Amino acid sequence: MLEALPRVLIRSRCSLSRRLRAYLDEKGFAVRLEAFDPIRHGRELGRRNPKNAVPVFEQGDGLVLWDSRIIMEYVEDRSPSPALMPQDPECRARLRLLYDLADDILEPQVRAFTEATKGKKREKRAEAIVETVRTIDPHLSHEGPFAVGKRFTAADLSVPPVLLAAIEHGFDPARLPIRVRLWLQTVLDRSSVRKLYPDVRLKARAA
């Protein structure tokens, strides 16, 4: 009897769900994606995840995981090839810093930005995003186009999905540091990411 594919509960426009989808695509790890429906999944989500948020990963043996980072680490351990987690200790530490900044600071700021439709409140929230991204810039590698060097890794799915969601909702990418814009373009050029953000266009190009 064939083992059922793991189920992943997502929201199609959620940046953290899209992060996970891009990662699973890069890994070639098969899952059954299921769009979150408040009527069908509302109570179930609360039972599965005390944070009451997606994405949620559920395996047939009863294993239930939440938080995109935890799910990605589990998949990496279970399916180590192709390796998307950096092996170098310094690079792994920088990856963790980027995820911490993206999930704990930047993602709530982007959510607040998308909820403000116009005026001074929206501009203030856009400026908060810019200030946070300025703290991210020094953590990016100068030895290649990706976050930690010359090769795409899970570090490249930390900040970009969150910033691309902000740009979808009207944030001007020209306000970002050039290094960050070029990084975003490099990540967006990957098919796993581009298909999740089909309408996003960035102006930055390498000289």
N, C-alpha and C. Protein backbone atom coordinates (compact mmCIF):
# COMPACT_ATOMS: atom_id res chain seq x y z
N MET A 1 0.85 -1.20 0.00
CA MET A 1 0.00 0.00 0.00
C MET A 1 0.88 1.24 0.00
N LEU A 2 0.59 2.17 -0.92
CA LEU A 2 1.38 3.37 -1.02
C LEU A 2 1.12 4.30 0.16
N GLU A 3 2.21 4.90 0.64
CA GLU A 3 2.08 5.86 1.74
C GLU A 3 1.48 7.16 1.22
N ALA A 4 0.49 7.69 1.93
CA ALA A 4 -0.14 8.93 1.51
C ALA A 4 0.85 10.08 1.63
N LEU A 5 0.73 11.05 0.71
CA LEU A 5 1.60 12.22 0.77
C LEU A 5 1.27 13.05 2.00
N PRO A 6 2.27 13.69 2.60
CA PRO A 6 1.98 14.62 3.68
C PRO A 6 1.07 15.75 3.20
N ARG A 7 0.20 16.20 4.08
CA ARG A 7 -0.69 17.31 3.74
C ARG A 7 -0.11 18.59 4.30
N VAL A 8 -0.14 19.65 3.49
CA VAL A 8 0.31 20.96 3.93
C VAL A 8 -0.83 21.94 3.76
N LEU A 9 -1.27 22.50 4.86
CA LEU A 9 -2.36 23.48 4.86
C LEU A 9 -1.75 24.87 4.68
N ILE A 10 -2.23 25.61 3.67
CA ILE A 10 -1.63 26.90 3.33
C ILE A 10 -2.71 27.95 3.07
N ARG A 11 -2.27 29.19 3.02
CA ARG A 11 -3.04 30.29 2.42
C ARG A 11 -2.28 30.71 1.17
N SER A 12 -2.96 30.85 0.06
CA SER A 12 -2.28 31.09 -1.21
C SER A 12 -1.48 32.39 -1.22
N ARG A 13 -1.95 33.42 -0.49
CA ARG A 13 -1.26 34.72 -0.52
C ARG A 13 -0.38 34.96 0.71
N CYS A 14 -0.31 33.99 1.57
CA CYS A 14 0.51 34.11 2.78
C CYS A 14 1.99 33.98 2.40
N SER A 15 2.81 34.94 2.80
CA SER A 15 4.23 34.91 2.41
C SER A 15 4.95 33.72 3.02
N LEU A 16 4.57 33.30 4.23
CA LEU A 16 5.25 32.17 4.87
C LEU A 16 4.82 30.85 4.24
N SER A 17 3.56 30.77 3.79
CA SER A 17 3.13 29.61 3.02
C SER A 17 3.87 29.54 1.70
N ARG A 18 4.03 30.68 1.05
CA ARG A 18 4.73 30.70 -0.24
C ARG A 18 6.21 30.37 -0.07
N ARG A 19 6.79 30.82 1.04
CA ARG A 19 8.18 30.43 1.34
C ARG A 19 8.31 28.91 1.36
N LEU A 20 7.40 28.27 2.10
CA LEU A 20 7.45 26.82 2.23
C LEU A 20 7.23 26.14 0.89
N ARG A 21 6.29 26.65 0.10
CA ARG A 21 6.02 26.06 -1.21
C ARG A 21 7.25 26.14 -2.11
N ALA A 22 7.94 27.28 -2.09
CA ALA A 22 9.15 27.43 -2.91
C ALA A 22 10.23 26.45 -2.44
N TYR A 23 10.36 26.32 -1.12
CA TYR A 23 11.37 25.40 -0.58
C TYR A 23 11.06 23.96 -1.00
N LEU A 24 9.82 23.53 -0.85
CA LEU A 24 9.44 22.17 -1.23
C LEU A 24 9.66 21.93 -2.71
N ASP A 25 9.40 22.94 -3.51
CA ASP A 25 9.63 22.85 -4.96
C ASP A 25 11.12 22.67 -5.24
N GLU A 26 11.95 23.48 -4.60
CA GLU A 26 13.40 23.37 -4.79
C GLU A 26 13.91 21.99 -4.35
N LYS A 27 13.32 21.46 -3.31
CA LYS A 27 13.74 20.15 -2.80
C LYS A 27 13.21 19.00 -3.66
N GLY A 28 12.14 19.25 -4.41
CA GLY A 28 11.47 18.16 -5.11
C GLY A 28 10.76 17.23 -4.14
N PHE A 29 10.27 17.80 -3.03
CA PHE A 29 9.61 17.01 -1.99
C PHE A 29 8.10 17.07 -2.20
N ALA A 30 7.51 15.93 -2.48
CA ALA A 30 6.08 15.89 -2.84
C ALA A 30 5.19 15.98 -1.60
N VAL A 31 4.20 16.85 -1.67
CA VAL A 31 3.19 16.98 -0.62
C VAL A 31 1.84 17.20 -1.29
N ARG A 32 0.80 17.14 -0.49
CA ARG A 32 -0.54 17.47 -0.96
C ARG A 32 -0.91 18.83 -0.38
N LEU A 33 -0.91 19.85 -1.21
CA LEU A 33 -1.26 21.20 -0.75
C LEU A 33 -2.76 21.33 -0.63
N GLU A 34 -3.19 21.96 0.45
CA GLU A 34 -4.62 22.17 0.67
C GLU A 34 -4.82 23.61 1.14
N ALA A 35 -5.64 24.35 0.38
CA ALA A 35 -5.89 25.75 0.71
C ALA A 35 -6.74 25.85 1.98
N PHE A 36 -6.34 26.74 2.87
CA PHE A 36 -7.08 26.93 4.12
C PHE A 36 -8.47 27.50 3.83
N ASP A 37 -9.45 26.88 4.42
CA ASP A 37 -10.85 27.32 4.32
C ASP A 37 -11.34 27.54 5.75
N PRO A 38 -11.67 28.79 6.13
CA PRO A 38 -12.09 29.06 7.51
C PRO A 38 -13.26 28.21 7.98
N ILE A 39 -14.17 27.88 7.07
CA ILE A 39 -15.34 27.08 7.46
C ILE A 39 -14.94 25.62 7.68
N ARG A 40 -14.18 25.06 6.75
CA ARG A 40 -13.79 23.65 6.83
C ARG A 40 -12.68 23.41 7.85
N HIS A 41 -11.74 24.36 7.95
CA HIS A 41 -10.53 24.10 8.72
C HIS A 41 -10.40 24.93 10.00
N GLY A 42 -11.35 25.82 10.25
CA GLY A 42 -11.20 26.74 11.39
C GLY A 42 -10.92 26.03 12.71
N ARG A 43 -11.79 25.12 13.11
CA ARG A 43 -11.60 24.40 14.38
C ARG A 43 -10.41 23.45 14.30
N GLU A 44 -10.27 22.82 13.16
CA GLU A 44 -9.16 21.87 12.98
C GLU A 44 -7.82 22.58 13.14
N LEU A 45 -7.69 23.79 12.57
CA LEU A 45 -6.43 24.51 12.65
C LEU A 45 -6.07 24.80 14.09
N GLY A 46 -7.06 25.22 14.88
CA GLY A 46 -6.80 25.50 16.29
C GLY A 46 -6.33 24.27 17.04
N ARG A 47 -6.86 23.10 16.68
CA ARG A 47 -6.43 21.86 17.33
C ARG A 47 -5.04 21.45 16.88
N ARG A 48 -4.73 21.71 15.61
CA ARG A 48 -3.44 21.29 15.05
C ARG A 48 -2.30 22.23 15.47
N ASN A 49 -2.60 23.51 15.55
CA ASN A 49 -1.56 24.51 15.79
C ASN A 49 -2.04 25.52 16.82
N PRO A 50 -1.44 25.56 18.00
CA PRO A 50 -1.87 26.51 19.02
C PRO A 50 -1.69 27.97 18.61
N LYS A 51 -0.85 28.21 17.59
CA LYS A 51 -0.70 29.57 17.08
C LYS A 51 -1.84 29.95 16.14
N ASN A 52 -2.63 28.93 15.74
CA ASN A 52 -3.80 29.16 14.88
C ASN A 52 -3.40 29.83 13.56
N ALA A 53 -2.31 29.35 12.97
CA ALA A 53 -1.78 29.97 11.75
C ALA A 53 -1.29 28.89 10.80
N VAL A 54 -1.18 29.24 9.53
CA VAL A 54 -0.61 28.36 8.51
C VAL A 54 0.78 28.90 8.16
N PRO A 55 1.64 28.03 7.58
CA PRO A 55 1.38 26.67 7.12
C PRO A 55 1.42 25.64 8.24
N VAL A 56 0.73 24.52 7.99
CA VAL A 56 0.75 23.37 8.89
C VAL A 56 1.05 22.13 8.05
N PHE A 57 1.96 21.32 8.54
CA PHE A 57 2.39 20.09 7.86
C PHE A 57 1.88 18.91 8.66
N GLU A 58 1.18 17.98 7.98
CA GLU A 58 0.62 16.82 8.68
C GLU A 58 0.97 15.54 7.93
N GLN A 59 1.57 14.61 8.65
CA GLN A 59 1.99 13.34 8.09
C GLN A 59 1.02 12.24 8.52
N GLY A 60 0.94 11.18 7.75
CA GLY A 60 0.00 10.10 8.02
C GLY A 60 0.20 9.40 9.34
N ASP A 61 1.42 9.44 9.89
CA ASP A 61 1.68 8.76 11.16
C ASP A 61 1.28 9.59 12.36
N GLY A 62 0.65 10.75 12.11
CA GLY A 62 0.20 11.60 13.20
C GLY A 62 1.08 12.78 13.50
N LEU A 63 2.25 12.87 12.85
CA LEU A 63 3.14 14.02 13.06
C LEU A 63 2.51 15.28 12.50
N VAL A 64 2.43 16.32 13.32
CA VAL A 64 1.91 17.62 12.90
C VAL A 64 2.94 18.68 13.26
N LEU A 65 3.32 19.47 12.27
CA LEU A 65 4.31 20.54 12.47
C LEU A 65 3.73 21.86 12.01
N TRP A 66 4.11 22.93 12.68
CA TRP A 66 3.76 24.27 12.21
C TRP A 66 5.02 25.12 12.22
N ASP A 67 4.91 26.31 11.65
CA ASP A 67 6.03 27.24 11.47
C ASP A 67 6.86 26.78 10.26
N SER A 68 6.94 27.64 9.26
CA SER A 68 7.63 27.26 8.03
C SER A 68 9.06 26.82 8.28
N ARG A 69 9.75 27.48 9.21
CA ARG A 69 11.15 27.13 9.48
C ARG A 69 11.27 25.71 10.04
N ILE A 70 10.38 25.35 10.97
CA ILE A 70 10.42 24.01 11.57
C ILE A 70 10.12 22.96 10.52
N ILE A 71 9.14 23.23 9.68
CA ILE A 71 8.79 22.29 8.62
C ILE A 71 9.97 22.10 7.66
N MET A 72 10.61 23.20 7.28
CA MET A 72 11.75 23.13 6.37
C MET A 72 12.90 22.34 6.98
N GLU A 73 13.17 22.54 8.26
CA GLU A 73 14.26 21.81 8.91
C GLU A 73 13.94 20.31 8.96
N TYR A 74 12.68 19.98 9.20
CA TYR A 74 12.27 18.57 9.23
C TYR A 74 12.47 17.94 7.86
N VAL A 75 12.00 18.63 6.82
CA VAL A 75 12.14 18.10 5.46
C VAL A 75 13.61 17.95 5.09
N GLU A 76 14.43 18.91 5.49
CA GLU A 76 15.87 18.84 5.20
C GLU A 76 16.50 17.62 5.85
N ASP A 77 16.12 17.34 7.10
CA ASP A 77 16.65 16.17 7.79
C ASP A 77 16.16 14.87 7.16
N ARG A 78 14.91 14.89 6.73
CA ARG A 78 14.32 13.67 6.16
C ARG A 78 14.79 13.43 4.73
N SER A 79 15.04 14.50 4.00
CA SER A 79 15.43 14.40 2.60
C SER A 79 16.62 15.32 2.35
N PRO A 80 17.82 14.89 2.71
CA PRO A 80 18.98 15.79 2.71
C PRO A 80 19.49 16.22 1.34
N SER A 81 19.04 15.62 0.27
CA SER A 81 19.51 15.99 -1.06
C SER A 81 18.33 16.44 -1.93
N PRO A 82 18.48 17.58 -2.63
CA PRO A 82 19.62 18.49 -2.62
C PRO A 82 19.68 19.28 -1.31
N ALA A 83 20.89 19.52 -0.83
CA ALA A 83 21.07 20.24 0.44
C ALA A 83 20.78 21.72 0.26
N LEU A 84 19.83 22.23 1.03
CA LEU A 84 19.51 23.66 0.96
C LEU A 84 19.87 24.41 2.24
N MET A 85 20.27 23.69 3.26
CA MET A 85 20.75 24.34 4.48
C MET A 85 22.28 24.48 4.39
N PRO A 86 22.81 25.68 4.62
CA PRO A 86 24.27 25.85 4.55
C PRO A 86 24.97 24.95 5.56
N GLN A 87 26.15 24.46 5.19
CA GLN A 87 26.92 23.61 6.09
C GLN A 87 27.87 24.40 6.97
N ASP A 88 28.35 25.52 6.46
CA ASP A 88 29.28 26.35 7.22
C ASP A 88 28.59 26.94 8.45
N PRO A 89 29.20 26.84 9.65
CA PRO A 89 28.55 27.35 10.87
C PRO A 89 28.21 28.83 10.82
N GLU A 90 29.09 29.64 10.23
CA GLU A 90 28.81 31.07 10.14
C GLU A 90 27.63 31.34 9.22
N CYS A 91 27.58 30.62 8.10
CA CYS A 91 26.46 30.80 7.17
C CYS A 91 25.15 30.35 7.80
N ARG A 92 25.18 29.27 8.57
CA ARG A 92 23.96 28.81 9.24
C ARG A 92 23.50 29.83 10.28
N ALA A 93 24.44 30.45 10.96
CA ALA A 93 24.08 31.48 11.94
C ALA A 93 23.45 32.68 11.25
N ARG A 94 24.01 33.07 10.10
CA ARG A 94 23.45 34.19 9.35
C ARG A 94 22.06 33.84 8.82
N LEU A 95 21.87 32.60 8.40
CA LEU A 95 20.54 32.15 7.99
C LEU A 95 19.54 32.34 9.14
N ARG A 96 19.91 31.92 10.34
CA ARG A 96 19.00 32.05 11.49
C ARG A 96 18.69 33.52 11.79
N LEU A 97 19.70 34.38 11.65
CA LEU A 97 19.47 35.81 11.87
C LEU A 97 18.48 36.36 10.85
N LEU A 98 18.64 35.98 9.59
CA LEU A 98 17.74 36.46 8.55
C LEU A 98 16.31 36.00 8.77
N TYR A 99 16.14 34.74 9.21
CA TYR A 99 14.79 34.24 9.49
C TYR A 99 14.19 34.94 10.71
N ASP A 100 15.02 35.20 11.70
CA ASP A 100 14.54 35.89 12.89
C ASP A 100 14.05 37.29 12.53
N LEU A 101 14.83 38.02 11.75
CA LEU A 101 14.44 39.36 11.32
C LEU A 101 13.19 39.32 10.45
N ALA A 102 13.14 38.34 9.53
CA ALA A 102 12.01 38.25 8.60
C ALA A 102 10.71 37.93 9.32
N ASP A 103 10.74 36.94 10.22
CA ASP A 103 9.50 36.43 10.80
C ASP A 103 9.04 37.22 12.02
N ASP A 104 9.98 37.66 12.84
CA ASP A 104 9.60 38.32 14.10
C ASP A 104 9.44 39.82 13.96
N ILE A 105 10.10 40.42 12.98
CA ILE A 105 10.04 41.89 12.84
C ILE A 105 9.41 42.30 11.51
N LEU A 106 9.98 41.81 10.40
CA LEU A 106 9.54 42.30 9.10
C LEU A 106 8.13 41.85 8.72
N GLU A 107 7.80 40.59 8.96
CA GLU A 107 6.48 40.09 8.55
C GLU A 107 5.34 40.85 9.23
N PRO A 108 5.39 41.10 10.54
CA PRO A 108 4.34 41.93 11.15
C PRO A 108 4.30 43.35 10.58
N GLN A 109 5.46 43.90 10.23
CA GLN A 109 5.49 45.24 9.64
C GLN A 109 4.84 45.25 8.26
N VAL A 110 5.09 44.22 7.48
CA VAL A 110 4.48 44.14 6.15
C VAL A 110 2.97 43.95 6.28
N ARG A 111 2.55 43.13 7.24
CA ARG A 111 1.11 42.95 7.45
C ARG A 111 0.45 44.29 7.80
N ALA A 112 1.10 45.06 8.68
CA ALA A 112 0.56 46.36 9.06
C ALA A 112 0.51 47.30 7.85
N PHE A 113 1.52 47.23 7.00
CA PHE A 113 1.56 48.07 5.79
C PHE A 113 0.40 47.73 4.86
N THR A 114 0.14 46.45 4.66
CA THR A 114 -0.93 46.05 3.74
C THR A 114 -2.32 46.42 4.27
N GLU A 115 -2.43 46.55 5.60
CA GLU A 115 -3.72 46.89 6.20
C GLU A 115 -4.00 48.39 6.16
N ALA A 116 -2.95 49.20 5.96
CA ALA A 116 -3.12 50.66 5.86
C ALA A 116 -3.23 51.02 4.38
N THR A 117 -4.35 51.54 3.96
CA THR A 117 -4.58 51.74 2.53
C THR A 117 -3.95 53.02 1.98
N LYS A 118 -3.82 54.07 2.79
CA LYS A 118 -3.26 55.33 2.26
C LYS A 118 -2.90 56.27 3.41
N GLY A 119 -2.30 57.40 3.03
CA GLY A 119 -2.05 58.46 3.99
C GLY A 119 -0.79 58.28 4.83
N LYS A 120 -0.73 59.07 5.90
CA LYS A 120 0.46 59.12 6.74
C LYS A 120 0.72 57.78 7.43
N LYS A 121 -0.34 57.08 7.79
CA LYS A 121 -0.16 55.79 8.47
C LYS A 121 0.55 54.80 7.56
N ARG A 122 0.15 54.76 6.29
CA ARG A 122 0.79 53.84 5.34
C ARG A 122 2.25 54.21 5.12
N GLU A 123 2.53 55.51 5.01
CA GLU A 123 3.91 55.96 4.81
C GLU A 123 4.78 55.63 6.02
N LYS A 124 4.22 55.81 7.20
CA LYS A 124 4.97 55.49 8.42
C LYS A 124 5.31 54.00 8.47
N ARG A 125 4.37 53.17 8.05
CA ARG A 125 4.60 51.73 8.08
C ARG A 125 5.59 51.31 6.98
N ALA A 126 5.56 52.02 5.86
CA ALA A 126 6.55 51.75 4.81
C ALA A 126 7.95 52.10 5.30
N GLU A 127 8.06 53.19 6.01
CA GLU A 127 9.37 53.61 6.54
C GLU A 127 9.89 52.60 7.55
N ALA A 128 9.00 52.00 8.33
CA ALA A 128 9.42 50.97 9.29
C ALA A 128 10.03 49.78 8.56
N ILE A 129 9.44 49.41 7.41
CA ILE A 129 9.99 48.32 6.60
C ILE A 129 11.39 48.68 6.12
N VAL A 130 11.56 49.90 5.64
CA VAL A 130 12.86 50.35 5.14
C VAL A 130 13.91 50.28 6.24
N GLU A 131 13.55 50.73 7.44
CA GLU A 131 14.50 50.72 8.55
C GLU A 131 14.92 49.30 8.91
N THR A 132 13.97 48.39 8.90
CA THR A 132 14.32 46.99 9.19
C THR A 132 15.22 46.40 8.12
N VAL A 133 14.93 46.69 6.87
CA VAL A 133 15.74 46.13 5.77
C VAL A 133 17.16 46.67 5.83
N ARG A 134 17.34 47.88 6.29
CA ARG A 134 18.70 48.42 6.44
C ARG A 134 19.53 47.60 7.42
N THR A 135 18.87 46.99 8.40
CA THR A 135 19.60 46.12 9.34
C THR A 135 19.90 44.76 8.73
N ILE A 136 19.16 44.38 7.68
CA ILE A 136 19.37 43.10 7.01
C ILE A 136 20.55 43.17 6.06
N ASP A 137 20.71 44.30 5.39
CA ASP A 137 21.72 44.46 4.35
C ASP A 137 23.12 43.99 4.78
N PRO A 138 23.61 44.34 5.97
CA PRO A 138 24.97 43.93 6.35
C PRO A 138 25.15 42.42 6.52
N HIS A 139 24.06 41.68 6.65
CA HIS A 139 24.16 40.24 6.85
C HIS A 139 24.25 39.46 5.53
N LEU A 140 24.11 40.16 4.41
CA LEU A 140 24.16 39.49 3.11
C LEU A 140 25.61 39.32 2.65
N SER A 141 25.88 38.20 2.02
CA SER A 141 27.22 37.90 1.53
C SER A 141 27.59 38.83 0.38
N HIS A 142 28.88 39.17 0.29
CA HIS A 142 29.40 39.93 -0.85
C HIS A 142 30.25 39.02 -1.75
N GLU A 143 30.12 37.71 -1.53
CA GLU A 143 30.90 36.74 -2.30
C GLU A 143 30.06 36.05 -3.37
N GLY A 144 28.85 36.51 -3.56
CA GLY A 144 27.99 35.91 -4.57
C GLY A 144 26.64 36.59 -4.55
N PRO A 145 25.74 36.22 -5.47
CA PRO A 145 24.45 36.90 -5.57
C PRO A 145 23.41 36.46 -4.54
N PHE A 146 23.70 35.38 -3.83
CA PHE A 146 22.74 34.85 -2.88
C PHE A 146 23.06 35.30 -1.46
N ALA A 147 22.20 34.96 -0.54
CA ALA A 147 22.32 35.48 0.83
C ALA A 147 23.63 35.11 1.50
N VAL A 148 24.07 33.85 1.30
CA VAL A 148 25.28 33.41 1.97
C VAL A 148 26.36 32.97 0.99
N GLY A 149 26.31 33.49 -0.25
CA GLY A 149 27.38 33.18 -1.18
C GLY A 149 26.93 32.94 -2.60
N LYS A 150 27.57 31.97 -3.27
CA LYS A 150 27.36 31.74 -4.69
C LYS A 150 26.25 30.75 -5.00
N ARG A 151 25.72 30.11 -3.96
CA ARG A 151 24.73 29.04 -4.18
C ARG A 151 23.42 29.37 -3.48
N PHE A 152 22.32 29.05 -4.15
CA PHE A 152 20.99 29.22 -3.55
C PHE A 152 20.85 28.28 -2.36
N THR A 153 20.37 28.83 -1.24
CA THR A 153 20.11 28.03 -0.04
C THR A 153 18.79 28.48 0.58
N ALA A 154 18.42 27.82 1.65
CA ALA A 154 17.20 28.21 2.36
C ALA A 154 17.28 29.62 2.91
N ALA A 155 18.49 30.16 3.06
CA ALA A 155 18.63 31.55 3.51
C ALA A 155 17.96 32.51 2.54
N ASP A 156 17.89 32.12 1.27
CA ASP A 156 17.29 32.98 0.25
C ASP A 156 15.76 32.96 0.27
N LEU A 157 15.19 32.15 1.17
CA LEU A 157 13.74 32.14 1.34
C LEU A 157 13.35 32.73 2.69
N SER A 158 14.26 33.47 3.30
CA SER A 158 13.98 34.11 4.59
C SER A 158 13.22 35.41 4.37
N VAL A 159 13.93 36.45 3.98
CA VAL A 159 13.36 37.79 3.79
C VAL A 159 12.61 37.94 2.47
N PRO A 160 13.12 37.43 1.33
CA PRO A 160 12.48 37.72 0.05
C PRO A 160 10.97 37.46 -0.05
N PRO A 161 10.42 36.31 0.41
CA PRO A 161 8.97 36.14 0.28
C PRO A 161 8.17 37.22 1.00
N VAL A 162 8.70 37.71 2.11
CA VAL A 162 7.99 38.73 2.88
C VAL A 162 8.05 40.07 2.15
N LEU A 163 9.23 40.44 1.65
CA LEU A 163 9.35 41.71 0.92
C LEU A 163 8.60 41.67 -0.40
N LEU A 164 8.60 40.54 -1.07
CA LEU A 164 7.85 40.44 -2.33
C LEU A 164 6.36 40.61 -2.10
N ALA A 165 5.87 40.13 -0.96
CA ALA A 165 4.46 40.35 -0.61
C ALA A 165 4.18 41.82 -0.39
N ALA A 166 5.12 42.53 0.24
CA ALA A 166 4.95 43.98 0.44
C ALA A 166 4.89 44.70 -0.90
N ILE A 167 5.75 44.30 -1.83
CA ILE A 167 5.78 44.93 -3.16
C ILE A 167 4.48 44.65 -3.91
N GLU A 168 3.95 43.46 -3.75
CA GLU A 168 2.64 43.12 -4.34
C GLU A 168 1.56 44.11 -3.88
N HIS A 169 1.70 44.58 -2.65
CA HIS A 169 0.68 45.47 -2.07
C HIS A 169 1.07 46.94 -2.18
N GLY A 170 2.01 47.26 -3.05
CA GLY A 170 2.27 48.66 -3.35
C GLY A 170 3.51 49.26 -2.74
N PHE A 171 4.30 48.48 -1.99
CA PHE A 171 5.55 49.02 -1.46
C PHE A 171 6.52 49.24 -2.62
N ASP A 172 7.20 50.39 -2.63
CA ASP A 172 8.10 50.76 -3.71
C ASP A 172 9.47 50.12 -3.49
N PRO A 173 9.88 49.17 -4.34
CA PRO A 173 11.18 48.52 -4.13
C PRO A 173 12.37 49.46 -4.29
N ALA A 174 12.16 50.62 -4.94
CA ALA A 174 13.24 51.58 -5.10
C ALA A 174 13.70 52.15 -3.75
N ARG A 175 12.91 51.98 -2.71
CA ARG A 175 13.28 52.46 -1.38
C ARG A 175 14.24 51.52 -0.68
N LEU A 176 14.45 50.34 -1.23
CA LEU A 176 15.32 49.35 -0.60
C LEU A 176 16.77 49.57 -1.01
N PRO A 177 17.73 49.18 -0.16
CA PRO A 177 19.15 49.24 -0.55
C PRO A 177 19.39 48.43 -1.82
N ILE A 178 20.29 48.91 -2.66
CA ILE A 178 20.52 48.27 -3.95
C ILE A 178 20.91 46.81 -3.79
N ARG A 179 21.73 46.48 -2.79
CA ARG A 179 22.15 45.08 -2.58
C ARG A 179 20.93 44.20 -2.31
N VAL A 180 19.98 44.70 -1.55
CA VAL A 180 18.78 43.93 -1.24
C VAL A 180 17.91 43.78 -2.49
N ARG A 181 17.80 44.84 -3.28
CA ARG A 181 16.99 44.74 -4.51
C ARG A 181 17.58 43.73 -5.49
N LEU A 182 18.90 43.74 -5.63
CA LEU A 182 19.54 42.78 -6.53
C LEU A 182 19.35 41.35 -6.01
N TRP A 183 19.43 41.19 -4.70
CA TRP A 183 19.18 39.88 -4.09
C TRP A 183 17.75 39.41 -4.37
N LEU A 184 16.80 40.33 -4.18
CA LEU A 184 15.39 39.98 -4.46
C LEU A 184 15.22 39.54 -5.91
N GLN A 185 15.87 40.27 -6.84
CA GLN A 185 15.73 39.91 -8.24
C GLN A 185 16.31 38.53 -8.52
N THR A 186 17.45 38.24 -7.91
CA THR A 186 18.08 36.93 -8.09
C THR A 186 17.17 35.81 -7.61
N VAL A 187 16.54 36.03 -6.47
CA VAL A 187 15.63 35.01 -5.92
C VAL A 187 14.36 34.93 -6.76
N LEU A 188 13.85 36.07 -7.17
CA LEU A 188 12.62 36.10 -7.97
C LEU A 188 12.81 35.42 -9.32
N ASP A 189 14.03 35.40 -9.84
CA ASP A 189 14.30 34.78 -11.13
C ASP A 189 14.22 33.25 -11.08
N ARG A 190 14.20 32.69 -9.90
CA ARG A 190 14.06 31.23 -9.78
C ARG A 190 12.60 30.85 -10.05
N SER A 191 12.43 29.80 -10.81
CA SER A 191 11.07 29.41 -11.20
C SER A 191 10.20 29.07 -9.99
N SER A 192 10.81 28.52 -8.94
CA SER A 192 10.06 28.14 -7.75
C SER A 192 9.43 29.35 -7.07
N VAL A 193 10.07 30.51 -7.23
CA VAL A 193 9.59 31.75 -6.59
C VAL A 193 8.74 32.55 -7.58
N ARG A 194 9.21 32.66 -8.82
CA ARG A 194 8.51 33.50 -9.81
C ARG A 194 7.06 33.08 -9.97
N LYS A 195 6.79 31.78 -9.98
CA LYS A 195 5.40 31.35 -10.21
C LYS A 195 4.49 31.70 -9.04
N LEU A 196 5.07 32.00 -7.88
CA LEU A 196 4.27 32.39 -6.72
C LEU A 196 4.05 33.89 -6.66
N TYR A 197 4.86 34.65 -7.40
CA TYR A 197 4.74 36.12 -7.45
C TYR A 197 4.76 36.56 -8.92
N PRO A 198 3.79 36.11 -9.72
CA PRO A 198 3.85 36.35 -11.17
C PRO A 198 3.76 37.81 -11.57
N ASP A 199 3.18 38.65 -10.72
CA ASP A 199 2.95 40.04 -11.10
C ASP A 199 3.99 41.01 -10.54
N VAL A 200 4.93 40.51 -9.75
CA VAL A 200 5.93 41.40 -9.14
C VAL A 200 7.02 41.71 -10.16
N ARG A 201 7.35 43.00 -10.28
CA ARG A 201 8.44 43.45 -11.15
C ARG A 201 9.37 44.35 -10.34
N LEU A 202 10.66 44.12 -10.50
CA LEU A 202 11.66 44.94 -9.82
C LEU A 202 12.48 45.69 -10.86
N LYS A 203 12.92 46.88 -10.50
CA LYS A 203 13.65 47.71 -11.47
C LYS A 203 15.15 47.48 -11.40
N ALA A 204 15.65 46.99 -10.27
CA ALA A 204 17.10 46.87 -10.09
C ALA A 204 17.68 45.80 -11.00
N ARG A 205 18.78 46.10 -11.63
CA ARG A 205 19.51 45.15 -12.44
C ARG A 205 21.00 45.34 -12.18
N ALA A 206 21.75 44.26 -12.28
CA ALA A 206 23.20 44.36 -12.08
C ALA A 206 23.80 45.22 -13.19
N ALA A 207 24.83 45.99 -12.83
CA ALA A 207 25.47 46.86 -13.81
C ALA A 207 26.28 46.04 -14.80
